[in-house]
Amino acid sequence: MDVVNIQFISAGFKAILESDGVKNLVETEADKICEKANANNDRGGKGFAVQVKHMNYGGGRWGAFVYAKDTKASQAESEEKALTRAINS
């Protein structure tokens, strides 16, 4: 398999990746996935949450994580794929 390495050398492109607009877009999409995961969580509650942070890969950009913040949500993902189904829908 060939490996492709892309380097962002344009200051303008880097500025876009690090902008508040991109941060808001990333957070909005993560929130949608989180809402679906919580809806898929048959164990009740709002056990999935979102964390948005500035990442170091690719020269720096915004990234988000949707994660299980409690045992019930973790079990819902483990046994029923609540988060996985939210990502794939």
Protein backbone atom coordinates (compact mmCIF):
# COMPACT_ATOMS: atom_id res chain seq x y z
CA MET A 1 0.00 0.00 0.00
CA ASP A 2 1.32 3.44 -0.91
CA VAL A 3 1.57 6.03 1.81
CA VAL A 4 0.59 9.60 1.05
CA ASN A 5 1.98 12.38 3.19
CA ILE A 6 0.31 15.78 2.79
CA GLN A 7 1.91 18.84 4.30
CA PHE A 8 -0.08 22.04 4.63
CA ILE A 9 2.44 24.75 3.87
CA SER A 10 -0.02 27.54 3.13
CA ALA A 11 -0.53 29.89 6.09
CA GLY A 12 -4.02 30.65 4.79
CA PHE A 13 -4.99 26.98 4.66
CA LYS A 14 -3.67 26.42 8.17
CA ALA A 15 -5.60 29.47 9.38
CA ILE A 16 -8.83 28.02 7.96
CA LEU A 17 -8.26 24.64 9.65
CA GLU A 18 -7.69 26.39 12.97
CA SER A 19 -10.57 28.88 12.62
CA ASP A 20 -13.61 29.18 14.86
CA GLY A 21 -15.82 28.35 11.88
CA VAL A 22 -14.17 24.95 11.43
CA LYS A 23 -14.28 24.38 15.18
CA ASN A 24 -18.04 25.08 15.17
CA LEU A 25 -18.59 22.74 12.20
CA VAL A 26 -16.63 19.91 13.84
CA GLU A 27 -18.53 20.41 17.09
CA THR A 28 -21.91 20.49 15.31
CA GLU A 29 -21.22 17.21 13.53
CA ALA A 30 -19.95 15.57 16.72
CA ASP A 31 -23.08 16.77 18.55
CA LYS A 32 -25.26 15.09 15.90
CA ILE A 33 -23.45 11.79 16.38
CA CYS A 34 -23.69 12.16 20.16
CA GLU A 35 -27.45 12.79 20.00
CA LYS A 36 -27.94 9.67 17.85
CA ALA A 37 -25.78 7.60 20.21
CA ASN A 38 -27.82 8.78 23.20
CA ALA A 39 -31.03 7.94 21.33
CA ASN A 40 -29.62 4.45 20.61
CA ASN A 41 -28.76 3.98 24.29
CA ASP A 42 -31.54 1.66 25.48
CA ARG A 43 -30.13 1.83 29.02
CA GLY A 44 -31.42 5.39 29.37
CA GLY A 45 -29.74 8.62 30.18
CA LYS A 46 -27.40 10.82 28.25
CA GLY A 47 -24.25 8.81 28.75
CA PHE A 48 -22.46 9.91 25.59
CA ALA A 49 -20.70 13.28 25.46
CA VAL A 50 -18.56 15.37 23.09
CA GLN A 51 -15.07 16.74 23.59
CA VAL A 52 -13.68 19.22 21.06
CA LYS A 53 -10.00 20.09 21.12
CA HIS A 54 -7.20 21.41 19.00
CA MET A 55 -5.26 18.46 17.62
CA ASN A 56 -1.59 18.28 16.71
CA TYR A 57 -1.80 16.05 13.65
CA GLY A 58 -1.71 17.44 10.12
CA GLY A 59 -0.15 20.69 11.22
CA GLY A 60 -2.88 21.44 13.73
CA ARG A 61 -6.65 21.46 13.36
CA TRP A 62 -9.85 20.98 15.33
CA GLY A 63 -11.02 17.50 16.19
CA ALA A 64 -13.80 15.99 18.27
CA PHE A 65 -14.43 12.84 20.24
CA VAL A 66 -17.76 11.31 21.15
CA TYR A 67 -17.24 9.09 24.17
CA ALA A 68 -19.09 7.12 26.81
CA LYS A 69 -18.94 9.10 30.03
CA ASP A 70 -20.56 6.48 32.26
CA THR A 71 -20.78 2.72 32.66
CA LYS A 72 -24.27 2.45 31.16
CA ALA A 73 -23.17 4.17 27.95
CA SER A 74 -20.04 2.04 27.80
CA GLN A 75 -22.17 -1.08 28.11
CA ALA A 76 -24.60 0.25 25.48
CA GLU A 77 -21.69 0.58 23.05
CA SER A 78 -20.15 -2.75 24.02
CA GLU A 79 -23.33 -4.80 23.82
CA GLU A 80 -25.57 -2.84 21.43
CA LYS A 81 -23.13 -0.68 19.43
CA ALA A 82 -25.04 2.49 20.31
CA LEU A 83 -22.20 4.83 19.23
CA THR A 84 -21.07 2.73 16.28
CA ARG A 85 -24.59 2.71 14.87
CA ALA A 86 -24.81 6.49 15.35
CA ILE A 87 -21.64 7.01 13.31
CA ASN A 88 -22.80 4.71 10.52
CA SER A 89 -26.30 6.17 10.18
